[in-house]
Amino acid sequence: MANFIPCNFRTFSVSASLNGSPQLSGPVILELPLDLIRRPLMRTRANDPQKVKELMESIAEIGLQVPIDVLEVDGKYYGFSGCHRYEAHQQLGLPTILCKVRRGTKETLRFYPSDVLFSFAQ
């Protein structure tokens, strides 16, 4: 279950649907389990191990300062920014990551290149 995280740097809109679940009407900051975020299927470049190591040290010391960007489409989450931060969380063994979540449609997914948009085979 995703948790809403207080955020003092921006205001986000959330409304309730007919069934009472929150509906995103603008970007929201959520703490999401890593395994719910669709991972990169095809990357044009590998993550920089030194950058991942530096992020791991920073995250372990002060926490994640900048959420990764995630697109929610039909209840599935697709990451499109933050591969180094995502990998740092994985290597640290952290189960969740702070995400800026925007709602999109299947049509929206066509606008993201496959090397940027996370995909997942499970």
PDB file of N, CA and C in Angstrom:
ATOM      1  N   MET A   1       0.843  -1.176   0.000  1.00  0.00           N
ATOM      2  CA  MET A   1       0.000   0.000   0.000  1.00  0.00           C
ATOM      3  C   MET A   1       0.888   1.238   0.000  1.00  0.00           C
ATOM      4  N   ALA A   2       0.591   2.184  -0.853  1.00  0.00           N
ATOM      5  CA  ALA A   2       1.371   3.407  -0.939  1.00  0.00           C
ATOM      6  C   ALA A   2       0.986   4.347   0.193  1.00  0.00           C
ATOM      7  N   ASN A   3       1.978   5.045   0.731  1.00  0.00           N
ATOM      8  CA  ASN A   3       1.752   6.010   1.790  1.00  0.00           C
ATOM      9  C   ASN A   3       1.939   7.412   1.243  1.00  0.00           C
ATOM     10  N   PHE A   4       1.081   8.345   1.644  1.00  0.00           N
ATOM     11  CA  PHE A   4       1.266   9.727   1.274  1.00  0.00           C
ATOM     12  C   PHE A   4       2.347  10.308   2.165  1.00  0.00           C
ATOM     13  N   ILE A   5       3.283  11.029   1.566  1.00  0.00           N
ATOM     14  CA  ILE A   5       4.397  11.621   2.285  1.00  0.00           C
ATOM     15  C   ILE A   5       4.192  13.133   2.326  1.00  0.00           C
ATOM     16  N   PRO A   6       4.287  13.745   3.511  1.00  0.00           N
ATOM     17  CA  PRO A   6       4.152  15.197   3.578  1.00  0.00           C
ATOM     18  C   PRO A   6       5.220  15.862   2.714  1.00  0.00           C
ATOM     19  N   CYS A   7       4.854  16.910   2.059  1.00  0.00           N
ATOM     20  CA  CYS A   7       5.765  17.577   1.139  1.00  0.00           C
ATOM     21  C   CYS A   7       5.563  19.072   1.277  1.00  0.00           C
ATOM     22  N   ASN A   8       6.616  19.799   1.644  1.00  0.00           N
ATOM     23  CA  ASN A   8       6.443  21.222   1.861  1.00  0.00           C
ATOM     24  C   ASN A   8       6.897  22.066   0.683  1.00  0.00           C
ATOM     25  N   PHE A   9       7.399  21.459  -0.399  1.00  0.00           N
ATOM     26  CA  PHE A   9       7.898  22.262  -1.494  1.00  0.00           C
ATOM     27  C   PHE A   9       6.899  22.414  -2.627  1.00  0.00           C
ATOM     28  N   ARG A  10       5.747  21.764  -2.546  1.00  0.00           N
ATOM     29  CA  ARG A  10       4.763  21.887  -3.605  1.00  0.00           C
ATOM     30  C   ARG A  10       3.424  21.358  -3.126  1.00  0.00           C
ATOM     31  N   THR A  11       2.351  21.918  -3.628  1.00  0.00           N
ATOM     32  CA  THR A  11       1.019  21.468  -3.276  1.00  0.00           C
ATOM     33  C   THR A  11       0.483  20.581  -4.393  1.00  0.00           C
ATOM     34  N   PHE A  12      -0.132  19.478  -4.028  1.00  0.00           N
ATOM     35  CA  PHE A  12      -0.660  18.541  -4.989  1.00  0.00           C
ATOM     36  C   PHE A  12      -2.136  18.327  -4.746  1.00  0.00           C
ATOM     37  N   SER A  13      -2.855  17.971  -5.789  1.00  0.00           N
ATOM     38  CA  SER A  13      -4.294  17.760  -5.697  1.00  0.00           C
ATOM     39  C   SER A  13      -4.618  16.283  -5.619  1.00  0.00           C
ATOM     40  N   VAL A  14      -5.485  15.930  -4.693  1.00  0.00           N
ATOM     41  CA  VAL A  14      -5.977  14.564  -4.582  1.00  0.00           C
ATOM     42  C   VAL A  14      -7.468  14.665  -4.328  1.00  0.00           C
ATOM     43  N   SER A  15      -8.251  13.869  -5.052  1.00  0.00           N
ATOM     44  CA  SER A  15      -9.690  13.835  -4.819  1.00  0.00           C
ATOM     45  C   SER A  15     -10.117  12.394  -4.643  1.00  0.00           C
ATOM     46  N   ALA A  16     -11.303  12.180  -4.144  1.00  0.00           N
ATOM     47  CA  ALA A  16     -11.791  10.820  -3.929  1.00  0.00           C
ATOM     48  C   ALA A  16     -12.664  10.389  -5.099  1.00  0.00           C
ATOM     49  N   SER A  17     -12.534   9.128  -5.498  1.00  0.00           N
ATOM     50  CA  SER A  17     -13.385   8.578  -6.541  1.00  0.00           C
ATOM     51  C   SER A  17     -14.685   8.097  -5.903  1.00  0.00           C
ATOM     52  N   LEU A  18     -15.566   7.555  -6.711  1.00  0.00           N
ATOM     53  CA  LEU A  18     -16.837   7.052  -6.203  1.00  0.00           C
ATOM     54  C   LEU A  18     -16.654   5.930  -5.192  1.00  0.00           C
ATOM     55  N   ASN A  19     -15.575   5.132  -5.348  1.00  0.00           N
ATOM     56  CA  ASN A  19     -15.356   4.032  -4.402  1.00  0.00           C
ATOM     57  C   ASN A  19     -14.531   4.449  -3.195  1.00  0.00           C
ATOM     58  N   GLY A  20     -14.197   5.734  -3.110  1.00  0.00           N
ATOM     59  CA  GLY A  20     -13.494   6.245  -1.935  1.00  0.00           C
ATOM     60  C   GLY A  20     -11.980   6.224  -2.037  1.00  0.00           C
ATOM     61  N   SER A  21     -11.407   5.616  -3.094  1.00  0.00           N
ATOM     62  CA  SER A  21      -9.952   5.590  -3.221  1.00  0.00           C
ATOM     63  C   SER A  21      -9.470   6.928  -3.775  1.00  0.00           C
ATOM     64  N   PRO A  22      -8.229   7.322  -3.434  1.00  0.00           N
ATOM     65  CA  PRO A  22      -7.732   8.609  -3.910  1.00  0.00           C
ATOM     66  C   PRO A  22      -7.537   8.597  -5.424  1.00  0.00           C
ATOM     67  N   GLN A  23      -7.860   9.695  -6.060  1.00  0.00           N
ATOM     68  CA  GLN A  23      -7.649   9.871  -7.488  1.00  0.00           C
ATOM     69  C   GLN A  23      -6.656  11.004  -7.681  1.00  0.00           C
ATOM     70  N   LEU A  24      -5.646  10.777  -8.495  1.00  0.00           N
ATOM     71  CA  LEU A  24      -4.645  11.798  -8.740  1.00  0.00           C
ATOM     72  C   LEU A  24      -5.186  12.799  -9.746  1.00  0.00           C
ATOM     73  N   SER A  25      -5.187  14.071  -9.395  1.00  0.00           N
ATOM     74  CA  SER A  25      -5.592  15.087 -10.336  1.00  0.00           C
ATOM     75  C   SER A  25      -4.411  15.994 -10.671  1.00  0.00           C
ATOM     76  N   GLY A  26      -3.275  15.683 -10.166  1.00  0.00           N
ATOM     77  CA  GLY A  26      -2.017  16.365 -10.415  1.00  0.00           C
ATOM     78  C   GLY A  26      -0.936  15.500  -9.811  1.00  0.00           C
ATOM     79  N   PRO A  27       0.341  15.878  -9.962  1.00  0.00           N
ATOM     80  CA  PRO A  27       1.395  15.050  -9.371  1.00  0.00           C
ATOM     81  C   PRO A  27       1.260  14.971  -7.857  1.00  0.00           C
ATOM     82  N   VAL A  28       1.536  13.803  -7.302  1.00  0.00           N
ATOM     83  CA  VAL A  28       1.559  13.609  -5.861  1.00  0.00           C
ATOM     84  C   VAL A  28       2.862  12.919  -5.493  1.00  0.00           C
ATOM     85  N   ILE A  29       3.290  13.097  -4.276  1.00  0.00           N
ATOM     86  CA  ILE A  29       4.488  12.425  -3.781  1.00  0.00           C
ATOM     87  C   ILE A  29       4.032  11.213  -2.983  1.00  0.00           C
ATOM     88  N   LEU A  30       4.470  10.027  -3.400  1.00  0.00           N
ATOM     89  CA  LEU A  30       4.126   8.771  -2.740  1.00  0.00           C
ATOM     90  C   LEU A  30       5.383   7.973  -2.459  1.00  0.00           C
ATOM     91  N   GLU A  31       5.355   7.198  -1.398  1.00  0.00           N
ATOM     92  CA  GLU A  31       6.402   6.224  -1.100  1.00  0.00           C
ATOM     93  C   GLU A  31       5.891   4.901  -1.670  1.00  0.00           C
ATOM     94  N   LEU A  32       6.524   4.413  -2.743  1.00  0.00           N
ATOM     95  CA  LEU A  32       6.072   3.195  -3.414  1.00  0.00           C
ATOM     96  C   LEU A  32       7.064   2.057  -3.229  1.00  0.00           C
ATOM     97  N   PRO A  33       6.566   0.828  -3.117  1.00  0.00           N
ATOM     98  CA  PRO A  33       7.469  -0.332  -3.106  1.00  0.00           C
ATOM     99  C   PRO A  33       8.233  -0.417  -4.427  1.00  0.00           C
ATOM    100  N   LEU A  34       9.524  -0.711  -4.342  1.00  0.00           N
ATOM    101  CA  LEU A  34      10.345  -0.818  -5.553  1.00  0.00           C
ATOM    102  C   LEU A  34       9.776  -1.832  -6.535  1.00  0.00           C
ATOM    103  N   ASP A  35       9.227  -2.930  -6.002  1.00  0.00           N
ATOM    104  CA  ASP A  35       8.772  -3.989  -6.904  1.00  0.00           C
ATOM    105  C   ASP A  35       7.474  -3.641  -7.638  1.00  0.00           C
ATOM    106  N   LEU A  36       6.848  -2.510  -7.317  1.00  0.00           N
ATOM    107  CA  LEU A  36       5.669  -2.073  -8.068  1.00  0.00           C
ATOM    108  C   LEU A  36       6.028  -1.183  -9.256  1.00  0.00           C
ATOM    109  N   ILE A  37       7.270  -0.725  -9.287  1.00  0.00           N
ATOM    110  CA  ILE A  37       7.704   0.185 -10.349  1.00  0.00           C
ATOM    111  C   ILE A  37       8.314  -0.632 -11.470  1.00  0.00           C
ATOM    112  N   ARG A  38       7.787  -0.435 -12.647  1.00  0.00           N
ATOM    113  CA  ARG A  38       8.278  -1.175 -13.809  1.00  0.00           C
ATOM    114  C   ARG A  38       9.681  -0.701 -14.133  1.00  0.00           C
ATOM    115  N   ARG A  39      10.577  -1.660 -14.216  1.00  0.00           N
ATOM    116  CA  ARG A  39      12.007  -1.393 -14.386  1.00  0.00           C
ATOM    117  C   ARG A  39      12.368  -1.157 -15.842  1.00  0.00           C
ATOM    118  N   PRO A  40      13.537  -0.600 -16.109  1.00  0.00           N
ATOM    119  CA  PRO A  40      13.954  -0.391 -17.506  1.00  0.00           C
ATOM    120  C   PRO A  40      14.109  -1.724 -18.232  1.00  0.00           C
ATOM    121  N   LEU A  41      13.486  -1.838 -19.371  1.00  0.00           N
ATOM    122  CA  LEU A  41      13.626  -3.031 -20.196  1.00  0.00           C
ATOM    123  C   LEU A  41      14.822  -2.875 -21.124  1.00  0.00           C
ATOM    124  N   MET A  42      14.897  -1.724 -21.774  1.00  0.00           N
ATOM    125  CA  MET A  42      15.986  -1.457 -22.706  1.00  0.00           C
ATOM    126  C   MET A  42      16.619  -0.126 -22.338  1.00  0.00           C
ATOM    127  N   ARG A  43      17.882  -0.161 -21.987  1.00  0.00           N
ATOM    128  CA  ARG A  43      18.613   1.072 -21.698  1.00  0.00           C
ATOM    129  C   ARG A  43      19.652   1.268 -22.785  1.00  0.00           C
ATOM    130  N   THR A  44      19.877   2.509 -23.167  1.00  0.00           N
ATOM    131  CA  THR A  44      20.919   2.789 -24.144  1.00  0.00           C
ATOM    132  C   THR A  44      22.276   2.935 -23.458  1.00  0.00           C
ATOM    133  N   ARG A  45      22.249   3.098 -22.146  1.00  0.00           N
ATOM    134  CA  ARG A  45      23.513   3.201 -21.402  1.00  0.00           C
ATOM    135  C   ARG A  45      23.325   2.559 -20.030  1.00  0.00           C
ATOM    136  N   ALA A  46      24.418   2.098 -19.468  1.00  0.00           N
ATOM    137  CA  ALA A  46      24.378   1.502 -18.135  1.00  0.00           C
ATOM    138  C   ALA A  46      24.482   2.613 -17.096  1.00  0.00           C
ATOM    139  N   ASN A  47      23.986   2.330 -15.896  1.00  0.00           N
ATOM    140  CA  ASN A  47      24.144   3.277 -14.796  1.00  0.00           C
ATOM    141  C   ASN A  47      25.620   3.415 -14.451  1.00  0.00           C
ATOM    142  N   ASP A  48      26.019   4.601 -14.059  1.00  0.00           N
ATOM    143  CA  ASP A  48      27.387   4.890 -13.639  1.00  0.00           C
ATOM    144  C   ASP A  48      27.559   4.360 -12.215  1.00  0.00           C
ATOM    145  N   PRO A  49      28.412   3.315 -12.020  1.00  0.00           N
ATOM    146  CA  PRO A  49      28.576   2.723 -10.691  1.00  0.00           C
ATOM    147  C   PRO A  49      29.047   3.724  -9.630  1.00  0.00           C
ATOM    148  N   GLN A  50      29.890   4.691 -10.020  1.00  0.00           N
ATOM    149  CA  GLN A  50      30.373   5.684  -9.062  1.00  0.00           C
ATOM    150  C   GLN A  50      29.225   6.581  -8.597  1.00  0.00           C
ATOM    151  N   LYS A  51      28.359   6.972  -9.527  1.00  0.00           N
ATOM    152  CA  LYS A  51      27.210   7.802  -9.175  1.00  0.00           C
ATOM    153  C   LYS A  51      26.259   7.035  -8.252  1.00  0.00           C
ATOM    154  N   VAL A  52      26.048   5.743  -8.541  1.00  0.00           N
ATOM    155  CA  VAL A  52      25.185   4.918  -7.689  1.00  0.00           C
ATOM    156  C   VAL A  52      25.784   4.818  -6.293  1.00  0.00           C
ATOM    157  N   LYS A  53      27.104   4.613  -6.214  1.00  0.00           N
ATOM    158  CA  LYS A  53      27.778   4.512  -4.909  1.00  0.00           C
ATOM    159  C   LYS A  53      27.628   5.809  -4.113  1.00  0.00           C
ATOM    160  N   GLU A  54      27.827   6.951  -4.772  1.00  0.00           N
ATOM    161  CA  GLU A  54      27.692   8.243  -4.096  1.00  0.00           C
ATOM    162  C   GLU A  54      26.256   8.454  -3.613  1.00  0.00           C
ATOM    163  N   LEU A  55      25.293   8.074  -4.444  1.00  0.00           N
ATOM    164  CA  LEU A  55      23.887   8.190  -4.041  1.00  0.00           C
ATOM    165  C   LEU A  55      23.580   7.280  -2.862  1.00  0.00           C
ATOM    166  N   MET A  56      24.140   6.076  -2.868  1.00  0.00           N
ATOM    167  CA  MET A  56      23.926   5.153  -1.755  1.00  0.00           C
ATOM    168  C   MET A  56      24.414   5.767  -0.449  1.00  0.00           C
ATOM    169  N   GLU A  57      25.600   6.381  -0.481  1.00  0.00           N
ATOM    170  CA  GLU A  57      26.149   7.004   0.720  1.00  0.00           C
ATOM    171  C   GLU A  57      25.261   8.156   1.187  1.00  0.00           C
ATOM    172  N   SER A  58      24.811   8.974   0.246  1.00  0.00           N
ATOM    173  CA  SER A  58      23.967  10.106   0.581  1.00  0.00           C
ATOM    174  C   SER A  58      22.610   9.649   1.121  1.00  0.00           C
ATOM    175  N   ILE A  59      21.996   8.682   0.458  1.00  0.00           N
ATOM    176  CA  ILE A  59      20.684   8.182   0.883  1.00  0.00           C
ATOM    177  C   ILE A  59      20.777   7.547   2.270  1.00  0.00           C
ATOM    178  N   ALA A  60      21.861   6.794   2.511  1.00  0.00           N
ATOM    179  CA  ALA A  60      22.038   6.167   3.821  1.00  0.00           C
ATOM    180  C   ALA A  60      22.202   7.216   4.918  1.00  0.00           C
ATOM    181  N   GLU A  61      22.847   8.337   4.569  1.00  0.00           N
ATOM    182  CA  GLU A  61      23.115   9.373   5.569  1.00  0.00           C
ATOM    183  C   GLU A  61      21.930  10.319   5.776  1.00  0.00           C
ATOM    184  N   ILE A  62      21.346  10.835   4.688  1.00  0.00           N
ATOM    185  CA  ILE A  62      20.303  11.873   4.827  1.00  0.00           C
ATOM    186  C   ILE A  62      18.990  11.522   4.143  1.00  0.00           C
ATOM    187  N   GLY A  63      18.899  10.377   3.510  1.00  0.00           N
ATOM    188  CA  GLY A  63      17.669   9.988   2.821  1.00  0.00           C
ATOM    189  C   GLY A  63      17.615  10.545   1.408  1.00  0.00           C
ATOM    190  N   LEU A  64      16.662  10.082   0.665  1.00  0.00           N
ATOM    191  CA  LEU A  64      16.478  10.538  -0.714  1.00  0.00           C
ATOM    192  C   LEU A  64      15.948  11.961  -0.701  1.00  0.00           C
ATOM    193  N   GLN A  65      16.616  12.859  -1.394  1.00  0.00           N
ATOM    194  CA  GLN A  65      16.231  14.264  -1.409  1.00  0.00           C
ATOM    195  C   GLN A  65      15.349  14.639  -2.594  1.00  0.00           C
ATOM    196  N   VAL A  66      15.459  13.885  -3.707  1.00  0.00           N
ATOM    197  CA  VAL A  66      14.693  14.184  -4.912  1.00  0.00           C
ATOM    198  C   VAL A  66      13.949  12.919  -5.330  1.00  0.00           C
ATOM    199  N   PRO A  67      12.611  12.949  -5.328  1.00  0.00           N
ATOM    200  CA  PRO A  67      11.851  11.756  -5.724  1.00  0.00           C
ATOM    201  C   PRO A  67      12.107  11.395  -7.187  1.00  0.00           C
ATOM    202  N   ILE A  68      11.955  10.116  -7.500  1.00  0.00           N
ATOM    203  CA  ILE A  68      12.014   9.711  -8.904  1.00  0.00           C
ATOM    204  C   ILE A  68      10.663  10.046  -9.536  1.00  0.00           C
ATOM    205  N   ASP A  69      10.634  10.177 -10.859  1.00  0.00           N
ATOM    206  CA  ASP A  69       9.399  10.475 -11.569  1.00  0.00           C
ATOM    207  C   ASP A  69       8.760   9.191 -12.056  1.00  0.00           C
ATOM    208  N   VAL A  70       7.467   9.050 -11.770  1.00  0.00           N
ATOM    209  CA  VAL A  70       6.731   7.835 -12.102  1.00  0.00           C
ATOM    210  C   VAL A  70       5.415   8.218 -12.769  1.00  0.00           C
ATOM    211  N   LEU A  71       5.057   7.458 -13.778  1.00  0.00           N
ATOM    212  CA  LEU A  71       3.781   7.632 -14.466  1.00  0.00           C
ATOM    213  C   LEU A  71       2.880   6.476 -14.080  1.00  0.00           C
ATOM    214  N   GLU A  72       1.674   6.777 -13.573  1.00  0.00           N
ATOM    215  CA  GLU A  72       0.713   5.732 -13.207  1.00  0.00           C
ATOM    216  C   GLU A  72      -0.286   5.599 -14.352  1.00  0.00           C
ATOM    217  N   VAL A  73      -0.368   4.389 -14.905  1.00  0.00           N
ATOM    218  CA  VAL A  73      -1.293   4.097 -15.996  1.00  0.00           C
ATOM    219  C   VAL A  73      -2.063   2.837 -15.630  1.00  0.00           C
ATOM    220  N   ASP A  74      -3.366   2.968 -15.482  1.00  0.00           N
ATOM    221  CA  ASP A  74      -4.235   1.830 -15.161  1.00  0.00           C
ATOM    222  C   ASP A  74      -3.740   1.047 -13.946  1.00  0.00           C
ATOM    223  N   GLY A  75      -3.301   1.758 -12.910  1.00  0.00           N
ATOM    224  CA  GLY A  75      -2.869   1.117 -11.677  1.00  0.00           C
ATOM    225  C   GLY A  75      -1.464   0.539 -11.706  1.00  0.00           C
ATOM    226  N   LYS A  76      -0.735   0.730 -12.798  1.00  0.00           N
ATOM    227  CA  LYS A  76       0.654   0.263 -12.897  1.00  0.00           C
ATOM    228  C   LYS A  76       1.564   1.481 -12.938  1.00  0.00           C
ATOM    229  N   TYR A  77       2.736   1.350 -12.331  1.00  0.00           N
ATOM    230  CA  TYR A  77       3.670   2.462 -12.221  1.00  0.00           C
ATOM    231  C   TYR A  77       4.858   2.252 -13.149  1.00  0.00           C
ATOM    232  N   TYR A  78       5.156   3.276 -13.948  1.00  0.00           N
ATOM    233  CA  TYR A  78       6.259   3.247 -14.900  1.00  0.00           C
ATOM    234  C   TYR A  78       7.222   4.372 -14.550  1.00  0.00           C
ATOM    235  N   GLY A  79       8.474   4.016 -14.215  1.00  0.00           N
ATOM    236  CA  GLY A  79       9.477   5.026 -13.903  1.00  0.00           C
ATOM    237  C   GLY A  79      10.039   5.611 -15.177  1.00  0.00           C
ATOM    238  N   PHE A  80      10.243   6.931 -15.207  1.00  0.00           N
ATOM    239  CA  PHE A  80      10.849   7.532 -16.391  1.00  0.00           C
ATOM    240  C   PHE A  80      11.958   8.511 -16.043  1.00  0.00           C
ATOM    241  N   SER A  81      12.321   8.590 -14.790  1.00  0.00           N
ATOM    242  CA  SER A  81      13.449   9.403 -14.367  1.00  0.00           C
ATOM    243  C   SER A  81      13.907   8.898 -13.012  1.00  0.00           C
ATOM    244  N   GLY A  82      15.211   8.674 -12.854  1.00  0.00           N
ATOM    245  CA  GLY A  82      15.737   8.278 -11.554  1.00  0.00           C
ATOM    246  C   GLY A  82      16.338   6.893 -11.488  1.00  0.00           C
ATOM    247  N   CYS A  83      16.889   6.397 -12.603  1.00  0.00           N
ATOM    248  CA  CYS A  83      17.463   5.044 -12.612  1.00  0.00           C
ATOM    249  C   CYS A  83      18.588   4.874 -11.593  1.00  0.00           C
ATOM    250  N   HIS A  84      19.452   5.893 -11.442  1.00  0.00           N
ATOM    251  CA  HIS A  84      20.550   5.797 -10.476  1.00  0.00           C
ATOM    252  C   HIS A  84      20.007   5.750  -9.046  1.00  0.00           C
ATOM    253  N   ARG A  85      19.018   6.595  -8.763  1.00  0.00           N
ATOM    254  CA  ARG A  85      18.418   6.617  -7.420  1.00  0.00           C
ATOM    255  C   ARG A  85      17.708   5.299  -7.131  1.00  0.00           C
ATOM    256  N   TYR A  86      17.018   4.764  -8.149  1.00  0.00           N
ATOM    257  CA  TYR A  86      16.327   3.484  -8.012  1.00  0.00           C
ATOM    258  C   TYR A  86      17.337   2.367  -7.700  1.00  0.00           C
ATOM    259  N   GLU A  87      18.430   2.318  -8.479  1.00  0.00           N
ATOM    260  CA  GLU A  87      19.452   1.286  -8.254  1.00  0.00           C
ATOM    261  C   GLU A  87      20.108   1.437  -6.880  1.00  0.00           C
ATOM    262  N   ALA A  88      20.338   2.671  -6.449  1.00  0.00           N
ATOM    263  CA  ALA A  88      20.920   2.896  -5.118  1.00  0.00           C
ATOM    264  C   ALA A  88      20.003   2.328  -4.040  1.00  0.00           C
ATOM    265  N   HIS A  89      18.704   2.551  -4.168  1.00  0.00           N
ATOM    266  CA  HIS A  89      17.748   1.998  -3.212  1.00  0.00           C
ATOM    267  C   HIS A  89      17.785   0.470  -3.235  1.00  0.00           C
ATOM    268  N   GLN A  90      17.855  -0.103  -4.421  1.00  0.00           N
ATOM    269  CA  GLN A  90      17.925  -1.567  -4.533  1.00  0.00           C
ATOM    270  C   GLN A  90      19.154  -2.104  -3.815  1.00  0.00           C
ATOM    271  N   GLN A  91      20.315  -1.512  -4.108  1.00  0.00           N
ATOM    272  CA  GLN A  91      21.561  -1.998  -3.529  1.00  0.00           C
ATOM    273  C   GLN A  91      21.604  -1.805  -2.012  1.00  0.00           C
ATOM    274  N   LEU A  92      20.918  -0.795  -1.515  1.00  0.00           N
ATOM    275  CA  LEU A  92      20.838  -0.579  -0.067  1.00  0.00           C
ATOM    276  C   LEU A  92      19.841  -1.524   0.595  1.00  0.00           C
ATOM    277  N   GLY A  93      19.052  -2.214  -0.217  1.00  0.00           N
ATOM    278  CA  GLY A  93      18.055  -3.136   0.320  1.00  0.00           C
ATOM    279  C   GLY A  93      16.814  -2.442   0.846  1.00  0.00           C
ATOM    280  N   LEU A  94      16.583  -1.215   0.380  1.00  0.00           N
ATOM    281  CA  LEU A  94      15.408  -0.471   0.824  1.00  0.00           C
ATOM    282  C   LEU A  94      14.175  -0.964   0.057  1.00  0.00           C
ATOM    283  N   PRO A  95      13.071  -1.195   0.732  1.00  0.00           N
ATOM    284  CA  PRO A  95      11.893  -1.755   0.052  1.00  0.00           C
ATOM    285  C   PRO A  95      11.064  -0.733  -0.713  1.00  0.00           C
ATOM    286  N   THR A  96      11.212   0.566  -0.381  1.00  0.00           N
ATOM    287  CA  THR A  96      10.377   1.593  -1.005  1.00  0.00           C
ATOM    288  C   THR A  96      11.241   2.756  -1.480  1.00  0.00           C
ATOM    289  N   ILE A  97      10.641   3.605  -2.316  1.00  0.00           N
ATOM    290  CA  ILE A  97      11.324   4.793  -2.805  1.00  0.00           C
ATOM    291  C   ILE A  97      10.310   5.919  -2.955  1.00  0.00           C
ATOM    292  N   LEU A  98      10.751   7.134  -2.695  1.00  0.00           N
ATOM    293  CA  LEU A  98       9.913   8.313  -2.828  1.00  0.00           C
ATOM    294  C   LEU A  98       9.729   8.628  -4.310  1.00  0.00           C
ATOM    295  N   CYS A  99       8.469   8.817  -4.737  1.00  0.00           N
ATOM    296  CA  CYS A  99       8.149   9.014  -6.151  1.00  0.00           C
ATOM    297  C   CYS A  99       7.240  10.220  -6.341  1.00  0.00           C
ATOM    298  N   LYS A 100       7.493  10.977  -7.409  1.00  0.00           N
ATOM    299  CA  LYS A 100       6.541  11.987  -7.862  1.00  0.00           C
ATOM    300  C   LYS A 100       5.702  11.280  -8.920  1.00  0.00           C
ATOM    301  N   VAL A 101       4.435  11.065  -8.620  1.00  0.00           N
ATOM    302  CA  VAL A 101       3.560  10.259  -9.472  1.00  0.00           C
ATOM    303  C   VAL A 101       2.615  11.159 -10.249  1.00  0.00           C
ATOM    304  N   ARG A 102       2.611  10.959 -11.564  1.00  0.00           N
ATOM    305  CA  ARG A 102       1.656  11.622 -12.439  1.00  0.00           C
ATOM    306  C   ARG A 102       0.777  10.554 -13.059  1.00  0.00           C
ATOM    307  N   ARG A 103      -0.467  10.871 -13.318  1.00  0.00           N
ATOM    308  CA  ARG A 103      -1.383   9.930 -13.961  1.00  0.00           C
ATOM    309  C   ARG A 103      -1.283  10.106 -15.473  1.00  0.00           C
ATOM    310  N   GLY A 104      -1.329   8.983 -16.180  1.00  0.00           N
ATOM    311  CA  GLY A 104      -1.292   9.015 -17.634  1.00  0.00           C
ATOM    312  C   GLY A 104      -2.200   7.950 -18.216  1.00  0.00           C
ATOM    313  N   THR A 105      -2.231   7.887 -19.521  1.00  0.00           N
ATOM    314  CA  THR A 105      -3.013   6.881 -20.236  1.00  0.00           C
ATOM    315  C   THR A 105      -2.058   6.000 -21.035  1.00  0.00           C
ATOM    316  N   LYS A 106      -2.579   4.917 -21.576  1.00  0.00           N
ATOM    317  CA  LYS A 106      -1.745   4.064 -22.422  1.00  0.00           C
ATOM    318  C   LYS A 106      -1.195   4.860 -23.595  1.00  0.00           C
ATOM    319  N   GLU A 107      -1.971   5.795 -24.066  1.00  0.00           N
ATOM    320  CA  GLU A 107      -1.512   6.663 -25.159  1.00  0.00           C
ATOM    321  C   GLU A 107      -0.294   7.481 -24.720  1.00  0.00           C
ATOM    322  N   THR A 108      -0.293   7.926 -23.461  1.00  0.00           N
ATOM    323  CA  THR A 108       0.831   8.697 -22.933  1.00  0.00           C
ATOM    324  C   THR A 108       2.126   7.908 -23.010  1.00  0.00           C
ATOM    325  N   LEU A 109       2.050   6.594 -22.775  1.00  0.00           N
ATOM    326  CA  LEU A 109       3.250   5.760 -22.775  1.00  0.00           C
ATOM    327  C   LEU A 109       3.952   5.770 -24.130  1.00  0.00           C
ATOM    328  N   ARG A 110       3.220   5.998 -25.195  1.00  0.00           N
ATOM    329  CA  ARG A 110       3.821   6.010 -26.536  1.00  0.00           C
ATOM    330  C   ARG A 110       4.768   7.182 -26.741  1.00  0.00           C
ATOM    331  N   PHE A 111       4.623   8.231 -25.934  1.00  0.00           N
ATOM    332  CA  PHE A 111       5.453   9.420 -26.085  1.00  0.00           C
ATOM    333  C   PHE A 111       6.807   9.304 -25.400  1.00  0.00           C
ATOM    334  N   TYR A 112       6.992   8.250 -24.597  1.00  0.00           N
ATOM    335  CA  TYR A 112       8.255   8.067 -23.886  1.00  0.00           C
ATOM    336  C   TYR A 112       9.106   7.045 -24.623  1.00  0.00           C
ATOM    337  N   PRO A 113      10.350   7.392 -24.968  1.00  0.00           N
ATOM    338  CA  PRO A 113      11.232   6.421 -25.637  1.00  0.00           C
ATOM    339  C   PRO A 113      11.500   5.227 -24.737  1.00  0.00           C
ATOM    340  N   SER A 114      11.671   4.061 -25.331  1.00  0.00           N
ATOM    341  CA  SER A 114      11.849   2.838 -24.547  1.00  0.00           C
ATOM    342  C   SER A 114      13.092   2.852 -23.684  1.00  0.00           C
ATOM    343  N   ASP A 115      14.109   3.652 -24.038  1.00  0.00           N
ATOM    344  CA  ASP A 115      15.309   3.712 -23.200  1.00  0.00           C
ATOM    345  C   ASP A 115      15.109   4.611 -21.991  1.00  0.00           C
ATOM    346  N   VAL A 116      14.033   5.391 -21.960  1.00  0.00           N
ATOM    347  CA  VAL A 116      13.750   6.263 -20.828  1.00  0.00           C
ATOM    348  C   VAL A 116      12.669   5.652 -19.953  1.00  0.00           C
ATOM    349  N   LEU A 117      11.631   5.132 -20.567  1.00  0.00           N
ATOM    350  CA  LEU A 117      10.495   4.586 -19.832  1.00  0.00           C
ATOM    351  C   LEU A 117      10.846   3.236 -19.254  1.00  0.00           C
ATOM    352  N   PHE A 118      10.567   3.048 -17.985  1.00  0.00           N
ATOM    353  CA  PHE A 118      10.803   1.772 -17.351  1.00  0.00           C
ATOM    354  C   PHE A 118       9.752   0.789 -17.863  1.00  0.00           C
ATOM    355  N   SER A 119      10.150  -0.448 -18.027  1.00  0.00           N
ATOM    356  CA  SER A 119       9.210  -1.500 -18.370  1.00  0.00           C
ATOM    357  C   SER A 119       9.574  -2.693 -17.488  1.00  0.00           C
ATOM    358  N   PHE A 120       8.754  -3.698 -17.467  1.00  0.00           N
ATOM    359  CA  PHE A 120       8.917  -4.756 -16.479  1.00  0.00           C
ATOM    360  C   PHE A 120       8.380  -6.049 -17.033  1.00  0.00           C
ATOM    361  N   ALA A 121       9.111  -7.122 -16.861  1.00  0.00           N
ATOM    362  CA  ALA A 121       8.632  -8.431 -17.306  1.00  0.00           C
ATOM    363  C   ALA A 121       8.508  -9.326 -16.078  1.00  0.00           C
ATOM    364  N   GLN A 122       7.288  -9.625 -15.704  1.00  0.00           N
ATOM    365  CA  GLN A 122       7.069 -10.479 -14.533  1.00  0.00           C
ATOM    366  C   GLN A 122       5.811 -11.279 -14.730  1.00  0.00           C
TER     367      GLN A 122
END
